[in-house]
N, C-alpha and C. Protein backbone atom coordinates (compact mmCIF):
# COMPACT_ATOMS: atom_id res chain seq x y z
N UNK A 1 0.82 -1.19 0.03
CA UNK A 1 -0.02 0.00 0.02
C UNK A 1 0.89 1.24 0.00
N UNK A 2 2.02 1.22 0.70
CA UNK A 2 2.86 2.39 0.79
C UNK A 2 3.62 2.62 -0.53
N UNK A 3 3.88 1.55 -1.30
CA UNK A 3 4.66 1.70 -2.53
C UNK A 3 3.94 2.59 -3.54
N UNK A 4 2.64 2.50 -3.79
CA UNK A 4 2.01 3.42 -4.77
C UNK A 4 2.08 4.88 -4.29
N UNK A 5 1.96 5.08 -3.04
CA UNK A 5 2.08 6.47 -2.51
C UNK A 5 3.41 7.06 -2.70
N UNK A 6 4.47 6.23 -2.47
CA UNK A 6 5.84 6.67 -2.65
C UNK A 6 6.11 6.98 -4.14
N UNK A 7 5.62 6.09 -4.99
CA UNK A 7 5.79 6.28 -6.44
C UNK A 7 5.07 7.55 -6.91
N UNK A 8 3.86 7.77 -6.42
CA UNK A 8 3.09 8.96 -6.80
C UNK A 8 3.78 10.23 -6.27
N UNK A 9 4.27 10.23 -5.08
CA UNK A 9 4.94 11.39 -4.57
C UNK A 9 6.25 11.65 -5.32
N UNK A 10 6.97 10.62 -5.67
CA UNK A 10 8.22 10.78 -6.49
C UNK A 10 7.89 11.39 -7.79
N UNK A 11 6.86 10.92 -8.44
CA UNK A 11 6.48 11.46 -9.76
C UNK A 11 6.09 12.92 -9.61
N UNK A 12 5.27 13.23 -8.59
CA UNK A 12 4.89 14.63 -8.38
C UNK A 12 6.08 15.49 -8.10
N UNK A 13 7.02 15.04 -7.32
CA UNK A 13 8.23 15.82 -7.04
C UNK A 13 8.99 16.07 -8.35
N UNK A 14 9.18 15.06 -9.14
CA UNK A 14 9.94 15.19 -10.37
C UNK A 14 9.23 16.14 -11.36
N UNK A 15 7.94 16.08 -11.45
CA UNK A 15 7.20 17.00 -12.31
C UNK A 15 7.34 18.47 -11.81
N UNK A 16 7.24 18.61 -10.47
CA UNK A 16 7.39 19.96 -9.91
C UNK A 16 8.77 20.51 -10.13
N UNK A 17 9.80 19.69 -9.90
CA UNK A 17 11.12 20.03 -10.17
C UNK A 17 11.40 20.43 -11.61
N UNK A 18 10.91 19.61 -12.56
CA UNK A 18 11.00 19.91 -13.98
C UNK A 18 10.35 21.24 -14.35
N UNK A 19 9.18 21.50 -13.79
CA UNK A 19 8.47 22.73 -14.02
C UNK A 19 9.29 23.91 -13.53
N UNK A 20 9.81 23.76 -12.30
CA UNK A 20 10.55 24.86 -11.76
C UNK A 20 11.80 25.15 -12.58
N UNK A 21 12.53 24.07 -13.01
CA UNK A 21 13.69 24.31 -13.84
C UNK A 21 13.34 24.92 -15.20
N UNK A 22 12.20 24.54 -15.70
CA UNK A 22 11.81 25.06 -17.03
C UNK A 22 11.36 26.55 -16.97
N UNK A 23 10.65 26.89 -15.91
CA UNK A 23 10.05 28.23 -15.80
C UNK A 23 10.80 29.17 -14.85
N UNK A 24 11.90 28.76 -14.27
CA UNK A 24 12.55 29.52 -13.24
C UNK A 24 12.86 30.96 -13.58
N UNK A 25 13.27 31.34 -14.80
CA UNK A 25 13.49 32.76 -15.06
C UNK A 25 12.17 33.56 -14.93
N UNK A 26 11.09 32.95 -15.18
CA UNK A 26 9.79 33.63 -15.11
C UNK A 26 9.39 33.96 -13.64
N UNK A 27 9.96 33.18 -12.73
CA UNK A 27 9.68 33.40 -11.32
C UNK A 27 10.56 34.47 -10.68
N UNK A 28 11.49 35.01 -11.43
CA UNK A 28 12.37 36.00 -10.88
C UNK A 28 11.72 37.27 -10.52
N UNK A 29 12.17 37.94 -9.53
CA UNK A 29 11.61 39.19 -9.06
C UNK A 29 11.94 40.27 -10.12
N UNK A 30 13.10 40.12 -10.70
CA UNK A 30 13.57 41.12 -11.69
C UNK A 30 13.46 40.56 -13.10
N UNK A 31 12.20 40.15 -13.47
CA UNK A 31 12.00 39.46 -14.73
C UNK A 31 12.50 40.25 -15.92
N UNK A 32 12.12 41.52 -16.01
CA UNK A 32 12.54 42.31 -17.18
C UNK A 32 14.03 42.40 -17.30
N UNK A 33 14.77 42.47 -16.22
CA UNK A 33 16.26 42.60 -16.29
C UNK A 33 16.88 41.25 -16.61
N UNK A 34 16.26 40.17 -16.20
CA UNK A 34 16.88 38.86 -16.23
C UNK A 34 16.67 38.06 -17.47
N UNK A 35 15.54 38.17 -18.13
CA UNK A 35 15.25 37.28 -19.25
C UNK A 35 16.08 37.66 -20.47
N UNK A 36 16.47 36.70 -21.13
CA UNK A 36 17.24 36.89 -22.40
C UNK A 36 16.50 36.18 -23.48
N UNK A 37 16.12 36.90 -24.49
CA UNK A 37 15.38 36.32 -25.62
C UNK A 37 16.33 35.67 -26.60
N UNK A 38 15.81 34.86 -27.50
CA UNK A 38 16.61 34.18 -28.51
C UNK A 38 17.33 35.12 -29.43
N UNK A 39 16.86 36.36 -29.51
CA UNK A 39 17.48 37.36 -30.40
C UNK A 39 18.71 37.96 -29.81
N UNK A 40 18.98 37.66 -28.55
CA UNK A 40 20.16 38.28 -27.88
C UNK A 40 21.47 37.56 -28.30
N UNK A 41 22.33 38.33 -28.84
CA UNK A 41 23.61 37.75 -29.39
C UNK A 41 24.83 38.02 -28.50
N UNK A 42 24.63 38.80 -27.45
CA UNK A 42 25.81 39.19 -26.61
C UNK A 42 26.61 38.01 -26.07
N UNK A 43 25.88 37.02 -25.61
CA UNK A 43 26.57 35.86 -24.99
C UNK A 43 27.28 35.08 -26.11
N UNK A 44 26.61 34.92 -27.21
CA UNK A 44 27.25 34.20 -28.38
C UNK A 44 28.53 34.86 -28.79
N UNK A 45 28.43 36.18 -28.88
CA UNK A 45 29.68 37.01 -29.29
C UNK A 45 30.77 36.84 -28.27
N UNK A 46 30.43 36.87 -26.98
CA UNK A 46 31.43 36.71 -25.93
C UNK A 46 32.16 35.43 -26.11
N UNK A 47 31.38 34.34 -26.36
CA UNK A 47 31.99 33.02 -26.47
C UNK A 47 32.80 32.91 -27.76
N UNK A 48 32.49 33.64 -28.78
CA UNK A 48 33.26 33.61 -30.01
C UNK A 48 34.51 34.45 -29.97
N UNK A 49 34.64 35.21 -28.92
CA UNK A 49 35.86 36.11 -28.80
C UNK A 49 35.69 37.41 -29.58
N UNK A 50 34.47 37.85 -29.74
CA UNK A 50 34.20 39.10 -30.49
C UNK A 50 34.80 40.31 -29.77
N UNK A 51 34.91 41.38 -30.51
CA UNK A 51 35.46 42.63 -29.97
C UNK A 51 34.54 43.24 -28.95
N UNK A 52 35.01 44.11 -28.12
CA UNK A 52 34.15 44.83 -27.12
C UNK A 52 33.06 45.57 -27.85
N UNK A 53 33.38 46.26 -28.96
CA UNK A 53 32.40 47.00 -29.65
C UNK A 53 31.23 46.17 -30.19
N UNK A 54 31.55 44.91 -30.64
CA UNK A 54 30.52 44.04 -31.12
C UNK A 54 29.59 43.62 -30.00
N UNK A 55 30.19 43.31 -28.86
CA UNK A 55 29.43 42.93 -27.67
C UNK A 55 28.59 44.05 -27.18
N UNK A 56 29.16 45.24 -27.13
CA UNK A 56 28.40 46.47 -26.71
C UNK A 56 27.18 46.62 -27.63
N UNK A 57 27.36 46.52 -28.89
CA UNK A 57 26.34 46.70 -29.86
C UNK A 57 25.19 45.71 -29.66
N UNK A 58 25.58 44.42 -29.38
CA UNK A 58 24.56 43.38 -29.16
C UNK A 58 23.78 43.65 -27.84
N UNK A 59 24.46 44.10 -26.79
CA UNK A 59 23.78 44.38 -25.53
C UNK A 59 22.80 45.54 -25.76
N UNK A 60 23.28 46.58 -26.38
CA UNK A 60 22.46 47.78 -26.59
C UNK A 60 21.27 47.50 -27.50
N UNK A 61 21.51 46.65 -28.55
CA UNK A 61 20.44 46.32 -29.45
C UNK A 61 19.40 45.43 -28.76
N UNK A 62 19.78 44.61 -27.83
CA UNK A 62 18.84 43.79 -27.08
C UNK A 62 17.82 44.60 -26.28
N UNK A 63 18.24 45.77 -25.86
CA UNK A 63 17.37 46.62 -25.06
C UNK A 63 17.22 46.15 -23.64
N UNK A 64 18.03 45.22 -23.23
CA UNK A 64 17.92 44.65 -21.92
C UNK A 64 19.01 45.22 -21.01
N UNK A 65 18.81 45.05 -19.69
CA UNK A 65 19.80 45.53 -18.73
C UNK A 65 21.09 44.65 -18.82
N UNK A 66 22.17 45.22 -18.46
CA UNK A 66 23.45 44.44 -18.53
C UNK A 66 23.54 43.24 -17.59
N UNK A 67 22.63 43.24 -16.62
CA UNK A 67 22.57 42.10 -15.68
C UNK A 67 21.69 40.92 -16.15
N UNK A 68 21.40 40.94 -17.39
CA UNK A 68 20.53 39.90 -17.94
C UNK A 68 21.13 38.52 -17.69
N UNK A 69 20.30 37.53 -17.46
CA UNK A 69 20.76 36.15 -17.28
C UNK A 69 20.82 35.45 -18.66
N UNK A 70 21.86 34.70 -18.84
CA UNK A 70 21.94 33.98 -20.13
C UNK A 70 21.21 32.66 -19.99
N UNK A 71 20.96 32.07 -21.12
CA UNK A 71 20.34 30.77 -21.12
C UNK A 71 21.07 29.69 -20.34
N UNK A 72 22.36 29.86 -20.19
CA UNK A 72 23.22 28.95 -19.45
C UNK A 72 23.24 29.30 -17.99
N UNK A 73 22.61 30.38 -17.58
CA UNK A 73 22.57 30.80 -16.21
C UNK A 73 23.74 31.78 -15.94
N UNK A 74 23.62 32.67 -15.05
CA UNK A 74 24.64 33.64 -14.78
C UNK A 74 24.49 34.86 -15.76
N UNK A 75 25.02 35.97 -15.29
CA UNK A 75 24.94 37.21 -16.11
C UNK A 75 26.10 37.23 -17.10
N UNK A 76 26.07 38.22 -17.97
CA UNK A 76 27.11 38.43 -18.94
C UNK A 76 28.44 38.77 -18.16
N UNK A 77 28.34 39.45 -17.05
CA UNK A 77 29.49 39.77 -16.26
C UNK A 77 30.15 38.45 -15.72
N UNK A 78 29.29 37.52 -15.27
CA UNK A 78 29.82 36.26 -14.79
C UNK A 78 30.62 35.51 -15.88
N UNK A 79 30.06 35.50 -17.05
CA UNK A 79 30.72 34.78 -18.17
C UNK A 79 31.96 35.54 -18.66
N UNK A 80 31.91 36.90 -18.61
CA UNK A 80 33.12 37.66 -18.98
C UNK A 80 34.24 37.39 -17.94
N UNK A 81 33.85 37.28 -16.70
CA UNK A 81 34.84 36.93 -15.64
C UNK A 81 35.42 35.54 -15.86
N UNK A 82 34.55 34.60 -16.28
CA UNK A 82 35.04 33.23 -16.45
C UNK A 82 36.00 33.15 -17.69
N UNK A 83 35.79 34.03 -18.69
CA UNK A 83 36.68 33.97 -19.82
C UNK A 83 37.84 34.95 -19.70
N UNK A 84 37.87 35.70 -18.59
CA UNK A 84 38.95 36.61 -18.37
C UNK A 84 38.93 37.84 -19.27
N UNK A 85 37.72 38.27 -19.70
CA UNK A 85 37.56 39.42 -20.59
C UNK A 85 37.45 40.71 -19.74
N UNK A 86 38.58 41.26 -19.39
CA UNK A 86 38.62 42.47 -18.58
C UNK A 86 37.93 43.64 -19.27
N UNK A 87 38.12 43.77 -20.58
CA UNK A 87 37.44 44.85 -21.28
C UNK A 87 35.95 44.85 -21.23
N UNK A 88 35.39 43.59 -21.42
CA UNK A 88 33.93 43.50 -21.34
C UNK A 88 33.45 43.67 -19.88
N UNK A 89 34.17 43.08 -18.94
CA UNK A 89 33.75 43.20 -17.53
C UNK A 89 33.77 44.67 -17.10
N UNK A 90 34.87 45.41 -17.48
CA UNK A 90 34.96 46.83 -17.11
C UNK A 90 33.79 47.61 -17.69
N UNK A 91 33.43 47.38 -18.97
CA UNK A 91 32.36 48.07 -19.61
C UNK A 91 30.99 47.73 -18.94
N UNK A 92 30.75 46.46 -18.58
CA UNK A 92 29.51 46.05 -17.98
C UNK A 92 29.37 46.71 -16.61
N UNK A 93 30.49 46.74 -15.83
CA UNK A 93 30.43 47.42 -14.56
C UNK A 93 30.17 48.91 -14.66
N UNK A 94 30.77 49.56 -15.68
CA UNK A 94 30.48 50.94 -15.92
C UNK A 94 29.01 51.25 -16.31
N UNK A 95 28.39 50.22 -16.88
CA UNK A 95 26.99 50.30 -17.32
C UNK A 95 26.03 49.96 -16.21
N UNK A 96 26.57 49.55 -15.01
CA UNK A 96 25.71 49.33 -13.84
C UNK A 96 25.49 47.87 -13.50
N UNK A 97 26.31 46.98 -14.14
CA UNK A 97 26.23 45.56 -13.73
C UNK A 97 26.52 45.39 -12.24
N UNK A 98 25.89 44.50 -11.60
CA UNK A 98 26.10 44.18 -10.18
C UNK A 98 27.42 43.41 -10.05
N UNK A 99 28.43 43.94 -9.37
CA UNK A 99 29.73 43.25 -9.29
C UNK A 99 29.60 41.95 -8.50
N UNK A 100 28.56 41.74 -7.73
CA UNK A 100 28.32 40.52 -7.06
C UNK A 100 27.51 39.51 -7.84
N UNK A 101 27.06 39.90 -9.04
CA UNK A 101 26.25 39.07 -9.79
C UNK A 101 24.80 39.10 -9.29
N UNK A 102 23.86 38.48 -10.00
CA UNK A 102 22.51 38.51 -9.62
C UNK A 102 21.97 37.17 -9.19
N UNK A 103 22.81 36.20 -9.19
CA UNK A 103 22.39 34.82 -8.81
C UNK A 103 23.43 34.27 -7.90
N UNK A 104 23.09 33.83 -6.71
CA UNK A 104 24.10 33.29 -5.74
C UNK A 104 25.00 32.20 -6.30
N UNK A 105 24.49 31.41 -7.18
CA UNK A 105 25.26 30.31 -7.73
C UNK A 105 26.29 30.73 -8.80
N UNK A 106 26.17 31.96 -9.24
CA UNK A 106 27.05 32.38 -10.34
C UNK A 106 27.61 33.79 -10.02
N UNK A 107 28.47 33.85 -9.03
CA UNK A 107 29.13 35.08 -8.65
C UNK A 107 30.38 35.33 -9.51
N UNK A 108 30.47 36.49 -10.13
CA UNK A 108 31.66 36.75 -10.96
C UNK A 108 32.97 36.67 -10.24
N UNK A 109 32.97 37.13 -8.95
CA UNK A 109 34.21 37.10 -8.15
C UNK A 109 34.60 35.64 -7.85
N UNK A 110 33.63 34.81 -7.57
CA UNK A 110 33.93 33.38 -7.30
C UNK A 110 34.60 32.77 -8.55
N UNK A 111 34.03 33.07 -9.70
CA UNK A 111 34.53 32.53 -10.93
C UNK A 111 35.99 32.98 -11.20
N UNK A 112 36.21 34.30 -10.94
CA UNK A 112 37.57 34.84 -11.12
C UNK A 112 38.54 34.27 -10.13
N UNK A 113 38.11 34.01 -8.89
CA UNK A 113 38.98 33.41 -7.87
C UNK A 113 39.36 32.02 -8.28
N UNK A 114 38.33 31.22 -8.61
CA UNK A 114 38.57 29.79 -8.93
C UNK A 114 39.34 29.67 -10.22
N UNK A 115 39.18 30.61 -11.12
CA UNK A 115 39.93 30.55 -12.39
C UNK A 115 41.31 31.23 -12.30
N UNK A 116 41.64 31.68 -11.08
CA UNK A 116 42.90 32.31 -10.78
C UNK A 116 43.23 33.51 -11.72
N UNK A 117 42.21 34.35 -11.96
CA UNK A 117 42.33 35.51 -12.76
C UNK A 117 42.49 36.76 -11.88
N UNK A 118 43.73 36.99 -11.49
CA UNK A 118 44.07 38.02 -10.53
C UNK A 118 43.60 39.42 -10.95
N UNK A 119 43.83 39.80 -12.23
CA UNK A 119 43.39 41.11 -12.68
C UNK A 119 41.88 41.27 -12.60
N UNK A 120 41.14 40.18 -12.94
CA UNK A 120 39.65 40.24 -12.82
C UNK A 120 39.25 40.37 -11.39
N UNK A 121 39.88 39.64 -10.49
CA UNK A 121 39.58 39.76 -9.05
C UNK A 121 39.73 41.26 -8.62
N UNK A 122 40.85 41.84 -9.01
CA UNK A 122 41.10 43.22 -8.57
C UNK A 122 40.04 44.16 -9.18
N UNK A 123 39.69 43.97 -10.40
CA UNK A 123 38.68 44.80 -11.05
C UNK A 123 37.30 44.67 -10.31
N UNK A 124 36.89 43.43 -10.05
CA UNK A 124 35.59 43.24 -9.38
C UNK A 124 35.57 43.81 -8.03
N UNK A 125 36.67 43.63 -7.27
CA UNK A 125 36.77 44.13 -5.86
C UNK A 125 36.79 45.64 -5.93
N UNK A 126 37.45 46.21 -6.87
CA UNK A 126 37.52 47.72 -6.96
C UNK A 126 36.12 48.30 -7.30
N UNK A 127 35.28 47.50 -7.84
CA UNK A 127 33.84 47.94 -8.11
C UNK A 127 32.88 47.48 -7.02
N UNK A 128 33.41 46.94 -5.94
CA UNK A 128 32.53 46.65 -4.77
C UNK A 128 32.11 45.21 -4.62
N UNK A 129 32.67 44.29 -5.40
CA UNK A 129 32.38 42.89 -5.13
C UNK A 129 32.71 42.45 -3.74
N UNK A 130 31.84 41.68 -3.14
CA UNK A 130 32.02 41.33 -1.73
C UNK A 130 32.60 39.92 -1.59
N UNK A 131 33.85 39.78 -1.13
CA UNK A 131 34.42 38.43 -0.98
C UNK A 131 33.89 37.63 0.14
N UNK A 132 33.02 38.23 0.97
CA UNK A 132 32.52 37.53 2.13
C UNK A 132 31.05 36.99 1.89
N UNK A 133 30.59 37.06 0.64
CA UNK A 133 29.31 36.53 0.33
C UNK A 133 29.41 35.01 0.32
N UNK A 134 28.33 34.36 0.80
CA UNK A 134 28.25 32.89 0.74
C UNK A 134 27.94 32.50 -0.71
N UNK A 135 28.57 31.48 -1.16
CA UNK A 135 28.40 31.06 -2.58
C UNK A 135 27.84 29.70 -2.79
N UNK A 136 27.64 28.91 -1.74
CA UNK A 136 27.16 27.57 -2.00
C UNK A 136 26.29 27.14 -0.82
N UNK A 137 25.68 26.00 -0.94
CA UNK A 137 24.82 25.50 0.11
C UNK A 137 25.58 25.22 1.42
N UNK A 138 26.82 24.86 1.30
CA UNK A 138 27.63 24.58 2.51
C UNK A 138 27.98 25.90 3.25
N UNK A 139 27.74 27.04 2.66
CA UNK A 139 27.98 28.35 3.32
C UNK A 139 29.37 28.86 3.18
N UNK A 140 30.17 28.33 2.24
CA UNK A 140 31.55 28.85 2.06
C UNK A 140 31.46 30.18 1.39
N UNK A 141 32.34 31.10 1.80
CA UNK A 141 32.43 32.40 1.16
C UNK A 141 33.50 32.38 0.11
N UNK A 142 33.51 33.39 -0.72
CA UNK A 142 34.45 33.53 -1.71
C UNK A 142 35.89 33.63 -1.18
N UNK A 143 36.03 34.37 -0.05
CA UNK A 143 37.32 34.46 0.64
C UNK A 143 37.83 33.09 1.08
N UNK A 144 36.91 32.21 1.63
CA UNK A 144 37.29 30.91 2.06
C UNK A 144 37.73 30.05 0.89
N UNK A 145 37.01 30.21 -0.24
CA UNK A 145 37.41 29.45 -1.43
C UNK A 145 38.82 29.86 -1.88
N UNK A 146 39.09 31.16 -1.81
CA UNK A 146 40.37 31.65 -2.26
C UNK A 146 41.46 31.12 -1.35
N UNK A 147 41.20 31.09 -0.07
CA UNK A 147 42.21 30.57 0.89
C UNK A 147 42.45 29.07 0.67
N UNK A 148 41.32 28.36 0.36
CA UNK A 148 41.51 26.91 0.07
C UNK A 148 42.31 26.63 -1.15
N UNK A 149 42.16 27.52 -2.16
CA UNK A 149 42.89 27.35 -3.42
C UNK A 149 44.35 27.65 -3.19
N UNK A 150 44.69 28.35 -2.18
CA UNK A 150 46.07 28.65 -1.75
C UNK A 150 46.89 29.41 -2.76
N UNK A 151 46.28 30.33 -3.50
CA UNK A 151 47.01 31.19 -4.40
C UNK A 151 47.22 32.51 -3.67
N UNK A 152 48.44 32.80 -3.26
CA UNK A 152 48.71 33.98 -2.46
C UNK A 152 48.37 35.29 -3.19
N UNK A 153 48.50 35.27 -4.55
CA UNK A 153 48.19 36.46 -5.31
C UNK A 153 46.67 36.82 -5.28
N UNK A 154 45.91 35.77 -5.38
CA UNK A 154 44.45 35.94 -5.29
C UNK A 154 44.02 36.40 -3.92
N UNK A 155 44.51 35.72 -2.89
CA UNK A 155 44.16 36.15 -1.50
C UNK A 155 44.59 37.54 -1.21
N UNK A 156 45.74 37.94 -1.73
CA UNK A 156 46.29 39.31 -1.49
C UNK A 156 45.41 40.37 -2.28
N UNK A 157 44.79 39.93 -3.32
CA UNK A 157 43.97 40.86 -4.14
C UNK A 157 42.61 41.16 -3.47
N UNK A 158 42.24 40.30 -2.53
CA UNK A 158 40.98 40.54 -1.80
C UNK A 158 41.22 41.56 -0.70
N UNK A 159 40.21 42.41 -0.44
CA UNK A 159 40.38 43.39 0.62
C UNK A 159 40.52 42.64 1.98
N UNK A 160 41.18 43.24 2.91
CA UNK A 160 41.39 42.71 4.25
C UNK A 160 40.01 42.55 4.93
N UNK A 161 39.80 41.40 5.50
CA UNK A 161 38.55 41.13 6.22
C UNK A 161 38.48 42.04 7.42
N UNK A 162 37.32 42.74 7.58
CA UNK A 162 37.11 43.68 8.65
C UNK A 162 36.78 42.96 9.94
N UNK A 163 37.51 43.28 10.98
CA UNK A 163 37.21 42.69 12.30
C UNK A 163 36.12 43.57 13.00
N UNK A 164 35.11 42.90 13.59
CA UNK A 164 34.12 43.66 14.34
C UNK A 164 34.80 44.31 15.51
N UNK A 165 34.42 45.60 15.73
CA UNK A 165 35.02 46.31 16.83
C UNK A 165 34.62 45.70 18.17
N UNK A 166 35.54 45.57 19.05
CA UNK A 166 35.23 45.01 20.38
C UNK A 166 34.65 46.11 21.26
N UNK A 167 33.87 45.70 22.22
CA UNK A 167 33.18 46.68 23.10
C UNK A 167 34.21 47.46 23.90
N UNK A 168 35.37 46.89 24.22
CA UNK A 168 36.32 47.58 25.03
C UNK A 168 37.01 48.74 24.35
N UNK A 169 36.97 48.77 23.01
CA UNK A 169 37.63 49.88 22.29
C UNK A 169 36.65 50.79 21.54
N UNK A 170 35.35 50.44 21.65
CA UNK A 170 34.44 51.26 20.89
C UNK A 170 34.03 52.50 21.70
N UNK A 171 33.72 53.54 20.97
CA UNK A 171 33.27 54.81 21.57
C UNK A 171 31.74 54.87 21.54
N UNK A 172 31.21 55.54 22.49
CA UNK A 172 29.75 55.80 22.45
C UNK A 172 29.51 57.00 21.54
N UNK A 173 28.25 57.13 21.09
CA UNK A 173 27.94 58.29 20.22
C UNK A 173 28.38 59.55 21.01
N UNK A 174 28.95 60.48 20.25
CA UNK A 174 29.42 61.70 20.82
C UNK A 174 30.84 61.64 21.24
N UNK A 175 31.53 60.50 21.00
CA UNK A 175 32.93 60.39 21.34
C UNK A 175 33.22 60.04 22.77
N UNK A 176 32.22 59.81 23.62
CA UNK A 176 32.47 59.47 25.01
C UNK A 176 32.85 57.97 25.12
N UNK A 177 33.74 57.71 26.09
CA UNK A 177 34.11 56.31 26.30
C UNK A 177 33.27 55.77 27.43
N UNK A 178 33.02 54.45 27.45
CA UNK A 178 32.22 53.86 28.49
C UNK A 178 33.06 53.84 29.80
N UNK A 179 32.41 53.49 30.91
CA UNK A 179 33.17 53.42 32.21
C UNK A 179 34.25 52.41 32.16
N UNK A 180 34.02 51.21 31.48
CA UNK A 180 35.03 50.18 31.43
C UNK A 180 36.27 50.67 30.71
N UNK A 181 36.10 51.48 29.72
CA UNK A 181 37.21 51.94 28.90
C UNK A 181 38.06 52.95 29.60
N UNK A 182 37.44 53.70 30.48
CA UNK A 182 38.20 54.80 31.19
C UNK A 182 39.07 54.23 32.32
N UNK A 183 38.75 52.97 32.76
CA UNK A 183 39.47 52.37 33.89
C UNK A 183 40.77 51.78 33.46
C-alpha cells in the first residue's frame, strides 16, 4: 500500500522540479532585467571572442539591462569573468552591472577566484564585489574558497577582512568612552 504512494509522490516531485527548472526565469523578481530572448547575441559573441564594440552593440540592441541572465545561467559579467575578458567586464560594470552578480550560484568574483584571474579579481573588488558573500549550500564564502585554493596572489587581491570592533575599544555616540574603557 505504501509503494503506490511513494511512487506517486516521487512522480509529483519530479514534475514539480522539472516545471521549476523550465520556468525559473519567469519566477524572478527582476523578470525584465533577467530574461534573455533568443534574439540576444551578446553571449554568443562573448563566447566567439568578439570585440568589445561588437558585444556592446549586441547588448544595446537587445534593449535589456546588462545584468541579464543567459540561457546557461549567470549574467554576462559572470561569463566575462570566467573567460577573463577584462574589457567586457569593465564596460559592464560601468553600465551598472552588479559586481556580485544577480544569482548566488554564479558570482563573478567566485569565478575569477577559482579561475585564478588576478586582474579580474582586482577589477571586481575595486567595483565593490564582496568576497565575504556565501556562494554555496555549505555556506563557504568567496574568501574561504580563495584561501582553500592557496594562491597567495588571489588572496592578496581581496580586501582585508574587517574585524568587528570590540566593546572595550568602541566609543559611544558623541565620542564618550564607557566606564570600562576609562578604567
